[in-house]
N, C-alpha and C. Protein backbone atom coordinates (compact mmCIF):
# COMPACT_ATOMS: atom_id res chain seq x y z
N UNK A 1 21.35 0.58 -15.86
CA UNK A 1 20.46 0.83 -14.70
C UNK A 1 20.64 -0.38 -13.65
N UNK A 2 20.68 0.06 -12.39
CA UNK A 2 20.98 -0.99 -11.35
C UNK A 2 19.62 -1.43 -10.84
N UNK A 3 19.10 -2.56 -11.18
CA UNK A 3 17.77 -3.11 -10.77
C UNK A 3 18.00 -3.68 -9.34
N UNK A 4 17.12 -3.36 -8.49
CA UNK A 4 17.17 -3.92 -7.16
C UNK A 4 16.30 -5.21 -7.20
N UNK A 5 16.87 -6.31 -6.72
CA UNK A 5 16.11 -7.45 -6.67
C UNK A 5 15.63 -7.94 -5.30
N UNK A 6 14.74 -8.81 -5.28
CA UNK A 6 14.18 -9.19 -4.03
C UNK A 6 15.08 -10.39 -3.51
N UNK A 7 15.67 -10.29 -2.33
CA UNK A 7 16.48 -11.42 -1.78
C UNK A 7 15.62 -12.67 -1.75
N UNK A 8 16.09 -13.77 -2.18
CA UNK A 8 15.36 -14.95 -2.40
C UNK A 8 14.65 -15.40 -1.11
N UNK A 9 15.32 -15.36 0.04
CA UNK A 9 14.73 -15.72 1.27
C UNK A 9 13.50 -14.82 1.59
N UNK A 10 13.57 -13.51 1.30
CA UNK A 10 12.47 -12.60 1.58
C UNK A 10 11.31 -12.90 0.67
N UNK A 11 11.61 -13.19 -0.63
CA UNK A 11 10.57 -13.63 -1.63
C UNK A 11 9.98 -14.91 -1.13
N UNK A 12 10.65 -15.85 -0.70
CA UNK A 12 10.10 -17.11 -0.19
C UNK A 12 9.17 -16.92 1.00
N UNK A 13 9.54 -16.02 1.87
CA UNK A 13 8.72 -15.64 3.07
C UNK A 13 7.39 -15.04 2.57
N UNK A 14 7.48 -14.18 1.61
CA UNK A 14 6.32 -13.55 0.97
C UNK A 14 5.36 -14.65 0.50
N UNK A 15 5.98 -15.60 -0.41
CA UNK A 15 5.17 -16.69 -0.96
C UNK A 15 4.54 -17.67 0.08
N UNK A 16 5.34 -17.94 1.19
CA UNK A 16 4.97 -18.69 2.28
C UNK A 16 3.72 -18.06 2.90
N UNK A 17 3.80 -16.86 3.20
CA UNK A 17 2.56 -16.03 3.83
C UNK A 17 1.44 -16.09 2.95
N UNK A 18 1.63 -15.83 1.70
CA UNK A 18 0.49 -15.81 0.69
C UNK A 18 -0.11 -17.12 0.67
N UNK A 19 0.65 -18.13 0.56
CA UNK A 19 -0.05 -19.55 0.51
C UNK A 19 -0.67 -19.94 1.80
N UNK A 20 -0.10 -19.46 2.92
CA UNK A 20 -0.70 -19.75 4.26
C UNK A 20 -2.23 -19.14 4.24
N UNK A 21 -2.29 -17.83 3.85
CA UNK A 21 -3.61 -17.19 3.91
C UNK A 21 -4.46 -17.74 2.84
N UNK A 22 -4.00 -18.06 1.70
CA UNK A 22 -4.88 -18.67 0.58
C UNK A 22 -5.50 -19.93 1.19
N UNK A 23 -4.62 -20.77 1.86
CA UNK A 23 -5.07 -22.07 2.40
C UNK A 23 -6.14 -21.86 3.47
N UNK A 24 -5.99 -20.90 4.22
CA UNK A 24 -7.01 -20.54 5.25
C UNK A 24 -8.38 -20.10 4.54
N UNK A 25 -8.25 -19.27 3.46
CA UNK A 25 -9.45 -18.92 2.68
C UNK A 25 -10.11 -20.10 1.98
N UNK A 26 -9.27 -20.95 1.39
CA UNK A 26 -9.78 -22.23 0.78
C UNK A 26 -10.55 -22.92 1.62
N UNK A 27 -10.00 -23.26 2.80
CA UNK A 27 -10.82 -24.04 3.85
C UNK A 27 -12.06 -23.45 4.28
N UNK A 28 -12.00 -22.09 4.56
CA UNK A 28 -13.17 -21.42 5.13
C UNK A 28 -14.26 -21.41 4.08
N UNK A 29 -13.97 -21.10 2.90
CA UNK A 29 -14.94 -20.91 1.77
C UNK A 29 -15.18 -22.19 1.12
N UNK A 30 -14.38 -23.30 1.39
CA UNK A 30 -14.59 -24.59 0.72
C UNK A 30 -14.58 -24.52 -0.75
N UNK A 31 -13.52 -23.72 -1.26
CA UNK A 31 -13.19 -23.65 -2.55
C UNK A 31 -11.76 -23.38 -2.75
N UNK A 32 -11.27 -23.42 -3.97
CA UNK A 32 -9.81 -23.14 -4.29
C UNK A 32 -9.55 -21.85 -4.98
N UNK A 33 -8.85 -20.91 -4.34
CA UNK A 33 -8.49 -19.67 -4.97
C UNK A 33 -7.17 -19.76 -5.60
N UNK A 34 -6.99 -19.28 -6.70
CA UNK A 34 -5.67 -19.27 -7.34
C UNK A 34 -4.71 -18.43 -6.60
N UNK A 35 -3.42 -18.71 -6.71
CA UNK A 35 -2.48 -17.85 -6.18
C UNK A 35 -2.25 -16.63 -7.08
N UNK A 36 -2.42 -15.40 -6.49
CA UNK A 36 -2.26 -14.19 -7.36
C UNK A 36 -0.84 -13.87 -7.78
N UNK A 37 -0.74 -13.22 -8.83
CA UNK A 37 0.69 -12.87 -9.32
C UNK A 37 1.11 -11.72 -8.39
N UNK A 38 2.36 -11.85 -8.05
CA UNK A 38 3.12 -10.86 -7.24
C UNK A 38 3.92 -9.99 -8.05
N UNK A 39 3.82 -8.68 -7.86
CA UNK A 39 4.56 -7.73 -8.60
C UNK A 39 5.26 -6.81 -7.63
N UNK A 40 6.55 -6.63 -7.71
CA UNK A 40 7.23 -5.78 -6.78
C UNK A 40 7.51 -4.33 -7.47
N UNK A 41 7.08 -3.34 -6.78
CA UNK A 41 7.31 -1.97 -7.30
C UNK A 41 8.28 -1.31 -6.35
N UNK A 42 9.02 -0.32 -6.84
CA UNK A 42 9.94 0.33 -6.11
C UNK A 42 9.66 1.71 -5.47
N UNK A 43 8.58 2.29 -5.95
CA UNK A 43 8.37 3.71 -5.55
C UNK A 43 7.13 3.81 -4.68
N UNK A 44 6.97 5.00 -4.17
CA UNK A 44 5.71 5.42 -3.54
C UNK A 44 5.67 5.15 -1.94
N UNK A 45 4.59 5.60 -1.36
CA UNK A 45 4.35 5.46 -0.05
C UNK A 45 3.19 4.48 0.26
N UNK A 46 2.72 3.90 -0.75
CA UNK A 46 1.70 2.78 -0.61
C UNK A 46 2.39 1.41 -0.45
N UNK A 47 2.04 0.70 0.58
CA UNK A 47 2.75 -0.49 0.89
C UNK A 47 2.40 -1.61 -0.17
N UNK A 48 1.12 -1.59 -0.48
CA UNK A 48 0.60 -2.60 -1.44
C UNK A 48 -0.63 -2.39 -2.01
N UNK A 49 -0.97 -2.97 -3.15
CA UNK A 49 -2.37 -2.76 -3.68
C UNK A 49 -2.75 -4.07 -4.36
N UNK A 50 -4.07 -4.33 -4.41
CA UNK A 50 -4.71 -5.54 -5.03
C UNK A 50 -5.30 -5.11 -6.41
N UNK A 51 -4.94 -5.64 -7.34
CA UNK A 51 -5.58 -5.35 -8.69
C UNK A 51 -6.54 -6.50 -8.91
N UNK A 52 -7.77 -6.15 -8.72
CA UNK A 52 -8.85 -7.14 -8.61
C UNK A 52 -9.01 -8.00 -9.79
N UNK A 53 -9.37 -7.28 -11.01
CA UNK A 53 -9.55 -8.05 -12.20
C UNK A 53 -8.32 -8.75 -12.77
N UNK A 54 -7.22 -8.38 -12.46
CA UNK A 54 -5.97 -8.97 -12.89
C UNK A 54 -5.52 -10.16 -11.96
N UNK A 55 -6.14 -10.11 -10.70
CA UNK A 55 -5.77 -11.11 -9.69
C UNK A 55 -4.28 -10.95 -9.44
N UNK A 56 -3.90 -9.75 -9.08
CA UNK A 56 -2.53 -9.43 -8.79
C UNK A 56 -2.32 -8.66 -7.39
N UNK A 57 -1.30 -8.85 -6.80
CA UNK A 57 -0.85 -8.06 -5.66
C UNK A 57 0.36 -7.38 -5.99
N UNK A 58 0.43 -6.09 -5.89
CA UNK A 58 1.59 -5.27 -5.95
C UNK A 58 2.15 -4.91 -4.70
N UNK A 59 3.45 -5.07 -4.57
CA UNK A 59 4.06 -4.70 -3.23
C UNK A 59 5.25 -3.74 -3.42
N UNK A 60 5.37 -2.86 -2.41
CA UNK A 60 6.34 -1.82 -2.44
C UNK A 60 7.67 -2.51 -1.96
N UNK A 61 8.55 -2.59 -3.00
CA UNK A 61 9.76 -3.38 -2.69
C UNK A 61 10.66 -2.64 -1.60
N UNK A 62 10.69 -1.34 -1.75
CA UNK A 62 11.54 -0.62 -0.76
C UNK A 62 11.02 -0.73 0.66
N UNK A 63 9.67 -0.71 0.76
CA UNK A 63 9.08 -1.01 2.19
C UNK A 63 9.39 -2.24 2.66
N UNK A 64 9.13 -3.28 1.79
CA UNK A 64 9.48 -4.73 2.00
C UNK A 64 10.90 -4.83 2.54
N UNK A 65 11.86 -4.33 1.84
CA UNK A 65 13.27 -4.48 2.21
C UNK A 65 13.53 -3.74 3.54
N UNK A 66 12.85 -2.70 3.84
CA UNK A 66 13.03 -1.94 4.97
C UNK A 66 12.39 -2.60 6.33
N UNK A 67 11.20 -3.20 6.11
CA UNK A 67 10.39 -3.68 7.24
C UNK A 67 10.27 -5.07 7.32
N UNK A 68 10.67 -5.86 6.28
CA UNK A 68 10.62 -7.30 6.14
C UNK A 68 9.49 -8.10 6.80
N UNK A 69 9.59 -8.78 7.91
CA UNK A 69 8.56 -9.59 8.46
C UNK A 69 7.37 -8.88 8.82
N UNK A 70 7.45 -7.67 9.41
CA UNK A 70 6.24 -6.91 9.82
C UNK A 70 5.53 -6.63 8.53
N UNK A 71 6.24 -6.19 7.48
CA UNK A 71 5.62 -5.92 6.17
C UNK A 71 4.82 -7.10 5.65
N UNK A 72 5.52 -8.27 5.69
CA UNK A 72 4.83 -9.44 5.16
C UNK A 72 3.60 -9.87 6.02
N UNK A 73 3.78 -9.82 7.40
CA UNK A 73 2.63 -10.19 8.23
C UNK A 73 1.42 -9.29 8.12
N UNK A 74 1.56 -7.99 7.75
CA UNK A 74 0.51 -7.05 7.67
C UNK A 74 -0.02 -6.95 6.27
N UNK A 75 0.90 -6.75 5.28
CA UNK A 75 0.38 -6.38 3.96
C UNK A 75 -0.13 -7.62 3.11
N UNK A 76 0.47 -8.80 3.16
CA UNK A 76 0.07 -9.93 2.55
C UNK A 76 -1.45 -10.29 2.88
N UNK A 77 -1.82 -10.49 4.09
CA UNK A 77 -3.20 -10.72 4.37
C UNK A 77 -4.21 -9.62 3.98
N UNK A 78 -3.71 -8.37 4.10
CA UNK A 78 -4.50 -7.18 3.72
C UNK A 78 -4.88 -7.21 2.30
N UNK A 79 -3.87 -7.31 1.46
CA UNK A 79 -4.13 -7.31 -0.07
C UNK A 79 -4.82 -8.52 -0.45
N UNK A 80 -4.54 -9.70 0.06
CA UNK A 80 -5.14 -10.93 -0.28
C UNK A 80 -6.66 -10.81 0.02
N UNK A 81 -6.95 -10.24 1.22
CA UNK A 81 -8.38 -10.01 1.71
C UNK A 81 -9.20 -9.24 0.60
N UNK A 82 -8.52 -8.24 0.00
CA UNK A 82 -9.22 -7.52 -1.08
C UNK A 82 -9.56 -8.40 -2.25
N UNK A 83 -8.63 -9.22 -2.63
CA UNK A 83 -8.99 -10.17 -3.80
C UNK A 83 -10.04 -11.18 -3.41
N UNK A 84 -9.91 -11.71 -2.26
CA UNK A 84 -10.85 -12.77 -1.81
C UNK A 84 -12.25 -12.09 -1.69
N UNK A 85 -12.38 -10.82 -1.07
CA UNK A 85 -13.72 -10.16 -1.09
C UNK A 85 -14.22 -9.94 -2.48
N UNK A 86 -13.37 -9.52 -3.36
CA UNK A 86 -13.78 -9.38 -4.81
C UNK A 86 -14.36 -10.69 -5.38
N UNK A 87 -13.62 -11.72 -5.21
CA UNK A 87 -14.10 -13.02 -5.71
C UNK A 87 -15.40 -13.46 -5.13
N UNK A 88 -15.64 -13.32 -3.89
CA UNK A 88 -16.72 -13.81 -3.20
C UNK A 88 -18.04 -12.85 -3.22
N UNK A 89 -17.69 -11.56 -3.19
CA UNK A 89 -18.82 -10.54 -3.10
C UNK A 89 -18.90 -9.54 -4.25
N UNK A 90 -18.01 -9.67 -5.19
CA UNK A 90 -18.02 -8.62 -6.32
C UNK A 90 -17.38 -7.36 -5.88
N UNK A 91 -17.77 -6.24 -6.58
CA UNK A 91 -17.18 -4.93 -6.21
C UNK A 91 -17.91 -4.50 -4.99
N UNK A 92 -17.17 -4.28 -3.96
CA UNK A 92 -17.66 -3.86 -2.71
C UNK A 92 -16.62 -2.66 -2.26
N UNK A 93 -17.05 -1.99 -1.17
CA UNK A 93 -16.21 -0.95 -0.67
C UNK A 93 -14.84 -1.58 -0.34
N UNK A 94 -13.74 -0.86 -0.62
CA UNK A 94 -12.37 -1.53 -0.44
C UNK A 94 -12.13 -1.99 0.96
N UNK A 95 -12.54 -1.20 1.94
CA UNK A 95 -12.31 -1.55 3.37
C UNK A 95 -13.66 -1.73 4.08
N UNK A 96 -14.59 -2.12 3.35
CA UNK A 96 -16.02 -2.39 3.84
C UNK A 96 -16.15 -3.59 4.74
N UNK A 97 -17.42 -3.96 5.13
CA UNK A 97 -17.63 -5.05 6.00
C UNK A 97 -17.16 -6.42 5.51
N UNK A 98 -17.17 -6.61 4.13
CA UNK A 98 -16.80 -7.87 3.61
C UNK A 98 -15.36 -8.10 3.80
N UNK A 99 -14.51 -7.00 3.48
CA UNK A 99 -13.06 -7.08 3.67
C UNK A 99 -12.76 -7.26 5.12
N UNK A 100 -13.39 -6.41 5.98
CA UNK A 100 -13.18 -6.49 7.49
C UNK A 100 -13.47 -7.86 7.93
N UNK A 101 -14.50 -8.53 7.59
CA UNK A 101 -14.90 -9.86 7.95
C UNK A 101 -13.80 -10.90 7.59
N UNK A 102 -13.26 -10.75 6.35
CA UNK A 102 -12.18 -11.61 5.94
C UNK A 102 -10.95 -11.47 6.84
N UNK A 103 -10.67 -10.17 7.02
CA UNK A 103 -9.47 -9.89 7.82
C UNK A 103 -9.55 -10.48 9.25
N UNK A 104 -10.73 -10.14 9.90
CA UNK A 104 -10.74 -10.38 11.35
C UNK A 104 -11.26 -11.88 11.59
N UNK A 105 -12.36 -12.27 10.92
CA UNK A 105 -12.94 -13.62 11.33
C UNK A 105 -12.29 -14.83 10.61
N UNK A 106 -11.66 -14.49 9.47
CA UNK A 106 -10.95 -15.62 8.64
C UNK A 106 -9.52 -15.61 8.89
N UNK A 107 -8.89 -14.49 8.67
CA UNK A 107 -7.46 -14.42 8.81
C UNK A 107 -6.90 -13.97 10.18
N UNK A 108 -7.89 -13.61 11.10
CA UNK A 108 -7.49 -13.35 12.47
C UNK A 108 -6.50 -12.23 12.50
N UNK A 109 -6.65 -11.18 11.73
CA UNK A 109 -5.78 -10.02 11.66
C UNK A 109 -6.57 -8.76 11.90
N UNK A 110 -5.95 -7.71 12.37
CA UNK A 110 -6.51 -6.45 12.54
C UNK A 110 -6.95 -5.90 11.14
N UNK A 111 -8.03 -5.25 11.10
CA UNK A 111 -8.57 -4.86 9.81
C UNK A 111 -8.12 -3.28 9.80
N UNK A 112 -6.80 -3.08 9.58
CA UNK A 112 -6.27 -1.76 9.57
C UNK A 112 -6.21 -1.31 8.10
N UNK A 113 -6.56 -0.11 7.86
CA UNK A 113 -6.58 0.38 6.47
C UNK A 113 -5.22 1.00 6.06
N UNK A 114 -4.48 1.50 7.05
CA UNK A 114 -3.20 2.08 6.75
C UNK A 114 -2.04 1.32 7.49
N UNK A 115 -0.89 1.58 7.02
CA UNK A 115 0.33 1.06 7.58
C UNK A 115 1.08 2.11 8.29
N UNK A 116 2.08 1.65 9.23
CA UNK A 116 2.86 2.53 9.93
C UNK A 116 4.37 1.93 9.81
N UNK A 117 4.80 1.79 8.57
CA UNK A 117 6.11 1.31 8.33
C UNK A 117 7.16 2.38 8.21
N UNK A 118 8.37 1.99 8.49
CA UNK A 118 9.50 2.86 8.14
C UNK A 118 9.48 3.09 6.69
N UNK A 119 9.68 4.38 6.22
CA UNK A 119 9.77 4.69 4.93
C UNK A 119 11.30 4.83 4.61
N UNK A 120 11.79 4.33 3.46
CA UNK A 120 13.14 4.55 3.04
C UNK A 120 13.53 5.98 3.04
N UNK A 121 14.70 6.30 3.37
CA UNK A 121 15.04 7.75 3.60
C UNK A 121 14.96 8.62 2.35
N UNK A 122 15.27 8.05 1.13
CA UNK A 122 15.03 8.97 -0.04
C UNK A 122 13.54 9.32 -0.27
N UNK A 123 12.72 8.42 0.24
CA UNK A 123 11.25 8.75 -0.01
C UNK A 123 10.95 9.86 1.01
N UNK A 124 11.38 9.91 2.16
CA UNK A 124 11.06 11.03 3.08
C UNK A 124 11.64 12.24 2.58
N UNK A 125 12.89 12.38 2.16
CA UNK A 125 13.64 13.56 1.79
C UNK A 125 13.21 14.08 0.44
N UNK A 126 12.54 13.29 -0.35
CA UNK A 126 12.25 13.77 -1.72
C UNK A 126 10.80 14.37 -1.64
N UNK A 127 10.62 15.30 -0.78
CA UNK A 127 9.42 16.04 -0.55
C UNK A 127 9.66 17.49 -0.62
N UNK A 128 8.57 18.24 -0.89
CA UNK A 128 8.60 19.70 -0.87
C UNK A 128 7.73 20.22 0.12
N UNK A 129 8.22 21.15 0.87
CA UNK A 129 7.39 21.76 2.00
C UNK A 129 6.55 22.84 1.55
N UNK A 130 5.29 22.79 1.75
CA UNK A 130 4.37 23.89 1.49
C UNK A 130 3.64 24.20 2.75
N UNK A 131 2.95 25.47 2.85
CA UNK A 131 2.36 25.81 3.98
C UNK A 131 1.00 26.47 3.67
N UNK A 132 0.13 26.52 4.68
CA UNK A 132 -1.15 27.17 4.61
C UNK A 132 -1.29 28.06 5.84
N UNK A 133 -2.48 28.49 6.15
CA UNK A 133 -2.67 29.27 7.32
C UNK A 133 -2.53 28.55 8.66
N UNK A 134 -2.66 27.21 8.64
CA UNK A 134 -2.65 26.49 10.01
C UNK A 134 -1.57 25.51 10.12
N UNK A 135 -0.78 25.02 9.00
CA UNK A 135 0.09 24.03 9.29
C UNK A 135 1.02 23.93 8.08
N UNK A 136 2.08 23.04 8.10
CA UNK A 136 2.81 22.79 6.90
C UNK A 136 2.43 21.46 6.38
N UNK A 137 2.91 21.38 5.04
CA UNK A 137 2.47 20.04 4.34
C UNK A 137 3.70 19.61 3.48
N UNK A 138 3.87 18.27 3.47
CA UNK A 138 4.88 17.72 2.63
C UNK A 138 4.22 17.20 1.36
N UNK A 139 4.57 17.77 0.25
CA UNK A 139 4.04 17.36 -1.05
C UNK A 139 5.08 16.53 -1.81
N UNK A 140 4.59 15.53 -2.63
CA UNK A 140 5.39 14.73 -3.51
C UNK A 140 5.96 15.54 -4.55
N UNK A 141 6.96 14.98 -5.27
CA UNK A 141 7.48 15.72 -6.42
C UNK A 141 6.48 15.77 -7.47
N UNK A 142 5.58 14.76 -7.64
CA UNK A 142 4.51 14.86 -8.75
C UNK A 142 3.58 16.19 -8.46
N UNK A 143 3.16 16.24 -7.25
CA UNK A 143 2.24 17.46 -6.98
C UNK A 143 2.95 18.76 -7.08
N UNK A 144 4.30 18.67 -6.62
CA UNK A 144 5.12 19.89 -6.75
C UNK A 144 5.28 20.31 -8.14
N UNK A 145 5.47 19.40 -9.05
CA UNK A 145 5.70 19.69 -10.41
C UNK A 145 4.40 20.19 -11.07
N UNK A 146 3.33 19.76 -10.69
CA UNK A 146 2.01 20.14 -11.20
C UNK A 146 1.76 21.61 -10.76
N UNK A 147 2.12 21.97 -9.55
CA UNK A 147 2.03 23.32 -9.07
C UNK A 147 2.93 24.18 -9.96
N UNK A 148 4.30 23.82 -10.06
CA UNK A 148 5.21 24.57 -10.80
C UNK A 148 4.78 24.77 -12.27
N UNK A 149 4.09 23.79 -12.89
CA UNK A 149 3.73 23.82 -14.23
C UNK A 149 2.36 24.47 -14.36
N UNK A 150 1.85 25.03 -13.25
CA UNK A 150 0.50 25.62 -13.23
C UNK A 150 -0.64 24.80 -13.72
N UNK A 151 -0.48 23.45 -13.44
CA UNK A 151 -1.52 22.43 -13.86
C UNK A 151 -2.42 22.14 -12.67
N UNK A 152 -2.05 22.54 -11.44
CA UNK A 152 -2.90 22.25 -10.30
C UNK A 152 -2.73 23.16 -9.16
N UNK A 153 -3.65 23.24 -8.25
CA UNK A 153 -3.41 24.05 -7.09
C UNK A 153 -4.01 23.15 -5.93
N UNK A 154 -3.35 23.20 -4.80
CA UNK A 154 -3.79 22.37 -3.67
C UNK A 154 -4.18 23.28 -2.49
N UNK A 155 -5.27 22.75 -1.79
CA UNK A 155 -5.71 23.55 -0.62
C UNK A 155 -5.68 22.71 0.60
N UNK A 156 -5.51 23.31 1.69
CA UNK A 156 -5.55 22.64 3.07
C UNK A 156 -6.93 22.03 3.28
N UNK A 157 -7.02 20.88 3.74
CA UNK A 157 -8.36 20.29 4.10
C UNK A 157 -8.98 20.88 5.41
N UNK A 158 -8.02 21.47 6.19
CA UNK A 158 -8.54 21.89 7.49
C UNK A 158 -8.94 23.46 7.27
N UNK A 159 -8.09 24.29 6.83
CA UNK A 159 -8.38 25.69 6.77
C UNK A 159 -8.81 26.17 5.37
N UNK A 160 -8.70 25.38 4.35
CA UNK A 160 -9.15 25.70 3.03
C UNK A 160 -8.44 26.63 2.26
N UNK A 161 -7.12 26.96 2.82
CA UNK A 161 -6.34 28.05 2.15
C UNK A 161 -5.39 27.32 1.13
N UNK A 162 -4.94 28.16 0.15
CA UNK A 162 -3.98 27.69 -0.89
C UNK A 162 -2.67 27.34 -0.33
N UNK A 163 -2.16 26.21 -0.73
CA UNK A 163 -0.86 25.86 -0.17
C UNK A 163 0.29 26.64 -1.05
N UNK A 164 1.26 27.16 -0.26
CA UNK A 164 2.37 27.94 -0.84
C UNK A 164 3.61 27.23 -0.58
N UNK A 165 4.67 27.41 -1.45
CA UNK A 165 5.88 26.69 -1.32
C UNK A 165 6.82 27.20 -0.41
N UNK A 166 7.46 26.26 0.27
CA UNK A 166 8.69 26.51 1.04
C UNK A 166 9.84 25.89 0.32
N UNK A 167 11.14 26.21 0.62
CA UNK A 167 12.22 25.57 -0.04
C UNK A 167 12.26 23.98 0.26
N UNK A 168 12.69 23.29 -0.69
CA UNK A 168 12.80 21.83 -0.66
C UNK A 168 13.60 21.44 0.60
N UNK A 169 13.03 20.46 1.26
CA UNK A 169 13.74 19.87 2.61
C UNK A 169 14.81 18.97 2.03
N UNK A 170 16.07 19.14 2.69
CA UNK A 170 17.15 18.27 2.24
C UNK A 170 17.78 17.50 3.37
């Protein structure tokens, strides 16, 4: 199995950004936050996630490799803000006022909930096209398999009709 590794310079840039924002949070709150564990994942369309109780940040390796500095500048403070909000305020809404305050007033970053990164090509093409009465939908392989195995049905949020399959996009 060919394991893809994080180039050392890119990893160092991730660590430098993480430490920069931890330092800002330490000064603002006058306490010392531990450095969270970083985990690189290769799949999916989620750029990153914060595992609160484990004090971990998971990063999408493919998106990091594709978007480099933009990814680091947006995702690191975003996910760290989730961890800091949890430490300071407990379980709160994921993108609620506490998280927004950390992002905007402490980290001086836009409190954006979603990313607009380039997705690696295999991620884009590994979708199945379905349609409803009003539009077409791209479903992941997981949802497609659930439909094929008759374990799930999906409906359009706009017109509430059942999604039907079109041939796979290649």
